[in-house]
Amino acid sequence: MKRVIIYVEKAKDGTYWGTTENLDGVVSAYGNTLSELKVELEKVFDEHLEVARELKEEWVEKYDNGVQFEYKIDLESFFDLIPEVKIGSIAEKAKINASLLRQYKTGKANASEEQTKKIEKAVHDLGKELLSVSF
């Protein structure tokens, strides 16, 4: 199975844009929600492969065993994409200074790879906690 990385951004008008990073050619799509973006991008990706097969492009064979999409969001955009996630809560879970995390969000400071991994783990841990809740 071939992994395709999608870089996700949120435009000022609130739409979500996704663009492939590691693909022969470029596939880009948008949606009003993150879920809608994923559906649209996967549809456009399938059309991209279909055209490549019609043109007998050799690279398309890499995708014959299926595709796994991996959606990536840069740290600066993450809190804008998902405003329900509070910086202070993530900073506490990641055991980093909330003010420093705010600087990462605004682009005033750049997170090291180690700091980025701590933040990512904190977000994933929060997701697991939320998934364990039943009503």
N, C-alpha and C. Protein backbone atom coordinates (compact mmCIF):
# COMPACT_ATOMS: atom_id res chain seq x y z
N MET A 1 0.85 -1.17 0.00
CA MET A 1 0.00 0.00 0.00
C MET A 1 0.90 1.24 0.00
N LYS A 2 0.60 2.17 -0.87
CA LYS A 2 1.39 3.39 -1.01
C LYS A 2 0.80 4.49 -0.13
N ARG A 3 1.68 5.17 0.61
CA ARG A 3 1.25 6.26 1.49
C ARG A 3 1.33 7.58 0.73
N VAL A 4 0.26 8.36 0.78
CA VAL A 4 0.22 9.68 0.16
C VAL A 4 0.01 10.71 1.26
N ILE A 5 0.92 11.67 1.33
CA ILE A 5 0.85 12.71 2.35
C ILE A 5 0.10 13.91 1.79
N ILE A 6 -0.86 14.38 2.58
CA ILE A 6 -1.67 15.54 2.22
C ILE A 6 -1.40 16.65 3.24
N TYR A 7 -0.99 17.80 2.76
CA TYR A 7 -0.78 18.95 3.63
C TYR A 7 -2.08 19.74 3.66
N VAL A 8 -2.61 20.01 4.86
CA VAL A 8 -3.90 20.67 5.03
C VAL A 8 -3.72 22.08 5.58
N GLU A 9 -4.45 23.01 4.98
CA GLU A 9 -4.47 24.39 5.45
C GLU A 9 -5.91 24.87 5.53
N LYS A 10 -6.14 25.86 6.38
CA LYS A 10 -7.46 26.47 6.46
C LYS A 10 -7.35 27.89 5.93
N ALA A 11 -8.15 28.21 4.91
CA ALA A 11 -8.13 29.54 4.30
C ALA A 11 -8.86 30.54 5.19
N LYS A 12 -8.63 31.81 4.92
CA LYS A 12 -9.27 32.87 5.71
C LYS A 12 -10.78 32.83 5.62
N ASP A 13 -11.32 32.30 4.51
CA ASP A 13 -12.78 32.21 4.36
C ASP A 13 -13.36 30.98 5.06
N GLY A 14 -12.49 30.18 5.71
CA GLY A 14 -12.96 29.03 6.47
C GLY A 14 -12.91 27.71 5.72
N THR A 15 -12.61 27.73 4.43
CA THR A 15 -12.52 26.48 3.68
C THR A 15 -11.19 25.79 3.98
N TYR A 16 -11.22 24.48 3.87
CA TYR A 16 -10.04 23.66 4.08
C TYR A 16 -9.46 23.26 2.73
N TRP A 17 -8.15 23.41 2.59
CA TRP A 17 -7.45 23.04 1.36
C TRP A 17 -6.47 21.93 1.66
N GLY A 18 -6.39 20.97 0.76
CA GLY A 18 -5.43 19.88 0.90
C GLY A 18 -4.65 19.72 -0.39
N THR A 19 -3.35 19.52 -0.27
CA THR A 19 -2.47 19.35 -1.43
C THR A 19 -1.52 18.19 -1.16
N THR A 20 -1.35 17.34 -2.16
CA THR A 20 -0.44 16.21 -2.01
C THR A 20 1.00 16.70 -2.00
N GLU A 21 1.85 15.95 -1.28
CA GLU A 21 3.25 16.32 -1.19
C GLU A 21 4.17 15.33 -1.88
N ASN A 22 3.87 14.06 -1.86
CA ASN A 22 4.80 13.03 -2.34
C ASN A 22 4.18 12.21 -3.47
N LEU A 23 3.74 12.90 -4.48
CA LEU A 23 2.99 12.26 -5.56
C LEU A 23 3.54 12.74 -6.89
N ASP A 24 3.54 11.88 -7.90
CA ASP A 24 3.86 12.33 -9.25
C ASP A 24 2.71 13.22 -9.70
N GLY A 25 3.01 14.47 -9.94
CA GLY A 25 1.97 15.44 -10.21
C GLY A 25 1.47 16.01 -8.88
N VAL A 26 0.47 16.83 -8.95
CA VAL A 26 -0.09 17.45 -7.75
C VAL A 26 -1.59 17.27 -7.76
N VAL A 27 -2.13 16.88 -6.62
CA VAL A 27 -3.57 16.79 -6.46
C VAL A 27 -3.95 17.75 -5.35
N SER A 28 -4.96 18.56 -5.61
CA SER A 28 -5.40 19.55 -4.64
C SER A 28 -6.92 19.58 -4.64
N ALA A 29 -7.49 19.82 -3.46
CA ALA A 29 -8.95 19.90 -3.34
C ALA A 29 -9.29 20.76 -2.14
N TYR A 30 -10.56 21.09 -2.02
CA TYR A 30 -11.00 21.88 -0.86
C TYR A 30 -12.36 21.38 -0.41
N GLY A 31 -12.72 21.77 0.82
CA GLY A 31 -14.02 21.44 1.37
C GLY A 31 -14.40 22.44 2.44
N ASN A 32 -15.66 22.50 2.76
CA ASN A 32 -16.13 23.41 3.81
C ASN A 32 -15.81 22.89 5.20
N THR A 33 -15.56 21.58 5.30
CA THR A 33 -15.15 20.97 6.56
C THR A 33 -13.95 20.07 6.26
N LEU A 34 -13.27 19.64 7.31
CA LEU A 34 -12.15 18.73 7.14
C LEU A 34 -12.63 17.41 6.54
N SER A 35 -13.77 16.93 6.98
CA SER A 35 -14.33 15.68 6.44
C SER A 35 -14.66 15.82 4.96
N GLU A 36 -15.25 16.95 4.59
CA GLU A 36 -15.59 17.19 3.19
C GLU A 36 -14.32 17.27 2.33
N LEU A 37 -13.29 17.91 2.86
CA LEU A 37 -12.01 17.97 2.15
C LEU A 37 -11.48 16.57 1.86
N LYS A 38 -11.51 15.70 2.87
CA LYS A 38 -11.00 14.34 2.69
C LYS A 38 -11.76 13.60 1.59
N VAL A 39 -13.07 13.71 1.58
CA VAL A 39 -13.88 13.05 0.55
C VAL A 39 -13.53 13.60 -0.83
N GLU A 40 -13.46 14.92 -0.95
CA GLU A 40 -13.16 15.55 -2.23
C GLU A 40 -11.76 15.21 -2.72
N LEU A 41 -10.79 15.23 -1.81
CA LEU A 41 -9.42 14.97 -2.20
C LEU A 41 -9.26 13.53 -2.69
N GLU A 42 -9.88 12.61 -2.00
CA GLU A 42 -9.78 11.21 -2.41
C GLU A 42 -10.46 10.99 -3.77
N LYS A 43 -11.55 11.71 -4.03
CA LYS A 43 -12.22 11.61 -5.32
C LYS A 43 -11.32 12.18 -6.43
N VAL A 44 -10.72 13.33 -6.19
CA VAL A 44 -9.83 13.94 -7.18
C VAL A 44 -8.59 13.08 -7.39
N PHE A 45 -8.09 12.47 -6.32
CA PHE A 45 -6.94 11.59 -6.44
C PHE A 45 -7.26 10.40 -7.35
N ASP A 46 -8.44 9.80 -7.16
CA ASP A 46 -8.85 8.68 -8.02
C ASP A 46 -8.93 9.12 -9.48
N GLU A 47 -9.44 10.33 -9.72
CA GLU A 47 -9.51 10.85 -11.09
C GLU A 47 -8.11 11.06 -11.66
N HIS A 48 -7.18 11.52 -10.83
CA HIS A 48 -5.78 11.72 -11.23
C HIS A 48 -5.18 10.38 -11.69
N LEU A 49 -5.41 9.34 -10.92
CA LEU A 49 -4.91 8.01 -11.28
C LEU A 49 -5.57 7.50 -12.57
N GLU A 50 -6.86 7.74 -12.70
CA GLU A 50 -7.58 7.30 -13.89
C GLU A 50 -7.00 7.93 -15.16
N VAL A 51 -6.73 9.22 -15.11
CA VAL A 51 -6.14 9.92 -16.26
C VAL A 51 -4.74 9.37 -16.54
N ALA A 52 -3.96 9.14 -15.48
CA ALA A 52 -2.61 8.60 -15.65
C ALA A 52 -2.65 7.22 -16.30
N ARG A 53 -3.63 6.40 -15.93
CA ARG A 53 -3.76 5.07 -16.54
C ARG A 53 -4.14 5.19 -18.02
N GLU A 54 -5.04 6.12 -18.33
CA GLU A 54 -5.43 6.34 -19.73
C GLU A 54 -4.24 6.79 -20.57
N LEU A 55 -3.35 7.57 -19.97
CA LEU A 55 -2.16 8.06 -20.67
C LEU A 55 -1.00 7.06 -20.60
N LYS A 56 -1.27 5.93 -19.95
CA LYS A 56 -0.27 4.87 -19.79
C LYS A 56 1.01 5.36 -19.10
N GLU A 57 0.82 6.18 -18.08
CA GLU A 57 1.94 6.67 -17.27
C GLU A 57 2.48 5.51 -16.44
N GLU A 58 3.79 5.32 -16.43
CA GLU A 58 4.39 4.20 -15.71
C GLU A 58 4.28 4.33 -14.20
N TRP A 59 4.36 5.55 -13.68
CA TRP A 59 4.37 5.75 -12.24
C TRP A 59 3.09 5.30 -11.56
N VAL A 60 2.00 5.22 -12.30
CA VAL A 60 0.70 4.91 -11.70
C VAL A 60 0.67 3.50 -11.10
N GLU A 61 1.56 2.62 -11.57
CA GLU A 61 1.60 1.25 -11.06
C GLU A 61 1.92 1.20 -9.56
N LYS A 62 2.60 2.23 -9.05
CA LYS A 62 2.94 2.27 -7.61
C LYS A 62 1.69 2.27 -6.73
N TYR A 63 0.55 2.61 -7.32
CA TYR A 63 -0.69 2.75 -6.55
C TYR A 63 -1.67 1.60 -6.76
N ASP A 64 -1.21 0.57 -7.48
CA ASP A 64 -2.09 -0.57 -7.78
C ASP A 64 -2.48 -1.37 -6.53
N ASN A 65 -1.66 -1.33 -5.49
CA ASN A 65 -1.96 -2.09 -4.26
C ASN A 65 -2.70 -1.25 -3.22
N GLY A 66 -3.23 -0.12 -3.63
CA GLY A 66 -4.00 0.71 -2.72
C GLY A 66 -3.22 1.91 -2.21
N VAL A 67 -3.94 2.78 -1.55
CA VAL A 67 -3.38 4.03 -1.07
C VAL A 67 -3.81 4.26 0.37
N GLN A 68 -2.89 4.78 1.15
CA GLN A 68 -3.20 5.21 2.52
C GLN A 68 -2.92 6.70 2.58
N PHE A 69 -3.93 7.49 2.88
CA PHE A 69 -3.77 8.94 2.96
C PHE A 69 -3.36 9.33 4.38
N GLU A 70 -2.37 10.19 4.46
CA GLU A 70 -1.92 10.72 5.75
C GLU A 70 -2.05 12.24 5.67
N TYR A 71 -2.93 12.78 6.51
CA TYR A 71 -3.19 14.21 6.50
C TYR A 71 -2.31 14.89 7.53
N LYS A 72 -1.55 15.90 7.09
CA LYS A 72 -0.63 16.61 7.98
C LYS A 72 -1.05 18.07 8.07
N ILE A 73 -0.95 18.58 9.28
CA ILE A 73 -1.30 19.96 9.55
C ILE A 73 -0.09 20.61 10.22
N ASP A 74 0.33 21.78 9.73
CA ASP A 74 1.46 22.40 10.38
C ASP A 74 1.03 22.94 11.75
N LEU A 75 1.98 23.02 12.64
CA LEU A 75 1.70 23.40 14.02
C LEU A 75 1.03 24.77 14.11
N GLU A 76 1.45 25.71 13.27
CA GLU A 76 0.86 27.04 13.28
C GLU A 76 -0.62 27.00 12.94
N SER A 77 -1.01 26.13 12.02
CA SER A 77 -2.40 26.06 11.56
C SER A 77 -3.30 25.20 12.43
N PHE A 78 -2.72 24.28 13.18
CA PHE A 78 -3.51 23.28 13.90
C PHE A 78 -4.60 23.90 14.77
N PHE A 79 -4.24 24.88 15.58
CA PHE A 79 -5.23 25.45 16.50
C PHE A 79 -6.28 26.29 15.78
N ASP A 80 -5.97 26.76 14.58
CA ASP A 80 -6.98 27.44 13.77
C ASP A 80 -7.92 26.43 13.12
N LEU A 81 -7.36 25.29 12.71
CA LEU A 81 -8.17 24.26 12.07
C LEU A 81 -9.17 23.63 13.04
N ILE A 82 -8.73 23.48 14.29
CA ILE A 82 -9.57 22.83 15.30
C ILE A 82 -9.62 23.74 16.53
N PRO A 83 -10.42 24.81 16.47
CA PRO A 83 -10.42 25.80 17.56
C PRO A 83 -10.95 25.26 18.90
N GLU A 84 -11.61 24.11 18.87
CA GLU A 84 -12.10 23.53 20.13
C GLU A 84 -10.95 23.05 21.01
N VAL A 85 -9.79 22.81 20.42
CA VAL A 85 -8.63 22.37 21.17
C VAL A 85 -7.93 23.61 21.72
N LYS A 86 -7.83 23.68 23.03
CA LYS A 86 -7.27 24.86 23.69
C LYS A 86 -5.76 24.71 23.90
N ILE A 87 -5.05 25.78 23.60
CA ILE A 87 -3.59 25.78 23.71
C ILE A 87 -3.14 25.44 25.12
N GLY A 88 -3.76 26.04 26.11
CA GLY A 88 -3.37 25.80 27.50
C GLY A 88 -3.49 24.34 27.90
N SER A 89 -4.54 23.69 27.46
CA SER A 89 -4.75 22.28 27.79
C SER A 89 -3.71 21.39 27.13
N ILE A 90 -3.40 21.67 25.88
CA ILE A 90 -2.40 20.88 25.17
C ILE A 90 -1.02 21.12 25.77
N ALA A 91 -0.72 22.36 26.11
CA ALA A 91 0.57 22.68 26.72
C ALA A 91 0.74 21.92 28.03
N GLU A 92 -0.31 21.89 28.82
CA GLU A 92 -0.26 21.17 30.10
C GLU A 92 -0.01 19.68 29.87
N LYS A 93 -0.74 19.08 28.92
CA LYS A 93 -0.55 17.66 28.62
C LYS A 93 0.85 17.37 28.07
N ALA A 94 1.38 18.32 27.29
CA ALA A 94 2.70 18.14 26.68
C ALA A 94 3.83 18.52 27.63
N LYS A 95 3.45 19.10 28.76
CA LYS A 95 4.43 19.56 29.75
C LYS A 95 5.39 20.59 29.16
N ILE A 96 4.77 21.54 28.42
CA ILE A 96 5.55 22.67 27.93
C ILE A 96 4.83 23.95 28.32
N ASN A 97 5.53 25.05 28.28
CA ASN A 97 4.98 26.34 28.67
C ASN A 97 3.90 26.78 27.69
N ALA A 98 2.73 27.17 28.20
CA ALA A 98 1.62 27.58 27.34
C ALA A 98 1.98 28.81 26.50
N SER A 99 2.74 29.72 27.09
CA SER A 99 3.17 30.91 26.36
C SER A 99 4.05 30.53 25.17
N LEU A 100 4.92 29.56 25.37
CA LEU A 100 5.79 29.10 24.29
C LEU A 100 4.95 28.44 23.19
N LEU A 101 3.95 27.66 23.57
CA LEU A 101 3.09 27.03 22.57
C LEU A 101 2.32 28.10 21.78
N ARG A 102 1.91 29.17 22.44
CA ARG A 102 1.25 30.27 21.73
C ARG A 102 2.21 30.91 20.72
N GLN A 103 3.49 30.99 21.07
CA GLN A 103 4.48 31.53 20.14
C GLN A 103 4.65 30.60 18.94
N TYR A 104 4.60 29.29 19.16
CA TYR A 104 4.65 28.34 18.05
C TYR A 104 3.45 28.55 17.13
N LYS A 105 2.28 28.74 17.74
CA LYS A 105 1.05 28.91 16.97
C LYS A 105 1.10 30.15 16.09
N THR A 106 1.65 31.23 16.62
CA THR A 106 1.68 32.48 15.87
C THR A 106 2.89 32.58 14.94
N GLY A 107 3.80 31.64 15.03
CA GLY A 107 4.98 31.67 14.19
C GLY A 107 6.11 32.52 14.74
N LYS A 108 5.96 33.03 15.97
CA LYS A 108 7.01 33.85 16.58
C LYS A 108 8.20 33.00 17.03
N ALA A 109 7.96 31.71 17.20
CA ALA A 109 9.03 30.77 17.56
C ALA A 109 8.77 29.48 16.78
N ASN A 110 9.82 28.74 16.55
CA ASN A 110 9.71 27.46 15.85
C ASN A 110 9.95 26.32 16.82
N ALA A 111 9.06 25.36 16.79
CA ALA A 111 9.18 24.20 17.67
C ALA A 111 10.24 23.25 17.12
N SER A 112 11.06 22.73 18.01
CA SER A 112 12.02 21.70 17.61
C SER A 112 11.25 20.43 17.30
N GLU A 113 11.93 19.47 16.70
CA GLU A 113 11.29 18.19 16.40
C GLU A 113 10.82 17.53 17.70
N GLU A 114 11.63 17.62 18.74
CA GLU A 114 11.26 17.03 20.04
C GLU A 114 10.00 17.69 20.61
N GLN A 115 9.94 19.01 20.55
CA GLN A 115 8.77 19.73 21.06
C GLN A 115 7.53 19.39 20.22
N THR A 116 7.71 19.31 18.91
CA THR A 116 6.59 18.97 18.03
C THR A 116 6.04 17.60 18.37
N LYS A 117 6.92 16.65 18.63
CA LYS A 117 6.48 15.29 18.99
C LYS A 117 5.72 15.30 20.32
N LYS A 118 6.17 16.11 21.28
CA LYS A 118 5.46 16.21 22.57
C LYS A 118 4.04 16.74 22.36
N ILE A 119 3.92 17.76 21.50
CA ILE A 119 2.62 18.36 21.23
C ILE A 119 1.72 17.36 20.51
N GLU A 120 2.29 16.68 19.53
CA GLU A 120 1.53 15.67 18.79
C GLU A 120 1.03 14.57 19.72
N LYS A 121 1.88 14.11 20.61
CA LYS A 121 1.49 13.07 21.57
C LYS A 121 0.37 13.57 22.48
N ALA A 122 0.47 14.81 22.94
CA ALA A 122 -0.57 15.38 23.80
C ALA A 122 -1.91 15.44 23.07
N VAL A 123 -1.90 15.83 21.80
CA VAL A 123 -3.13 15.89 21.01
C VAL A 123 -3.71 14.49 20.83
N HIS A 124 -2.84 13.52 20.52
CA HIS A 124 -3.31 12.14 20.35
C HIS A 124 -3.86 11.58 21.65
N ASP A 125 -3.20 11.87 22.77
CA ASP A 125 -3.69 11.41 24.08
C ASP A 125 -5.07 12.00 24.37
N LEU A 126 -5.26 13.28 24.06
CA LEU A 126 -6.56 13.91 24.26
C LEU A 126 -7.61 13.21 23.39
N GLY A 127 -7.25 12.91 22.15
CA GLY A 127 -8.17 12.21 21.26
C GLY A 127 -8.59 10.86 21.83
N LYS A 128 -7.63 10.12 22.38
CA LYS A 128 -7.94 8.82 22.98
C LYS A 128 -8.87 8.98 24.18
N GLU A 129 -8.63 10.00 24.99
CA GLU A 129 -9.50 10.27 26.13
C GLU A 129 -10.92 10.57 25.66
N LEU A 130 -11.04 11.39 24.63
CA LEU A 130 -12.36 11.73 24.12
C LEU A 130 -13.08 10.52 23.53
N LEU A 131 -12.32 9.65 22.86
CA LEU A 131 -12.92 8.44 22.29
C LEU A 131 -13.40 7.46 23.37
N SER A 132 -12.85 7.55 24.56
CA SER A 132 -13.25 6.63 25.63
C SER A 132 -14.53 7.06 26.32
N VAL A 133 -15.03 8.24 26.00
CA VAL A 133 -16.24 8.76 26.65
C VAL A 133 -17.48 8.19 25.98
N SER A 134 -18.45 7.81 26.79
CA SER A 134 -19.74 7.35 26.28
C SER A 134 -20.84 8.18 26.93
N PHE A 135 -21.92 8.38 26.19
CA PHE A 135 -23.08 9.11 26.72
C PHE A 135 -24.30 8.24 26.68
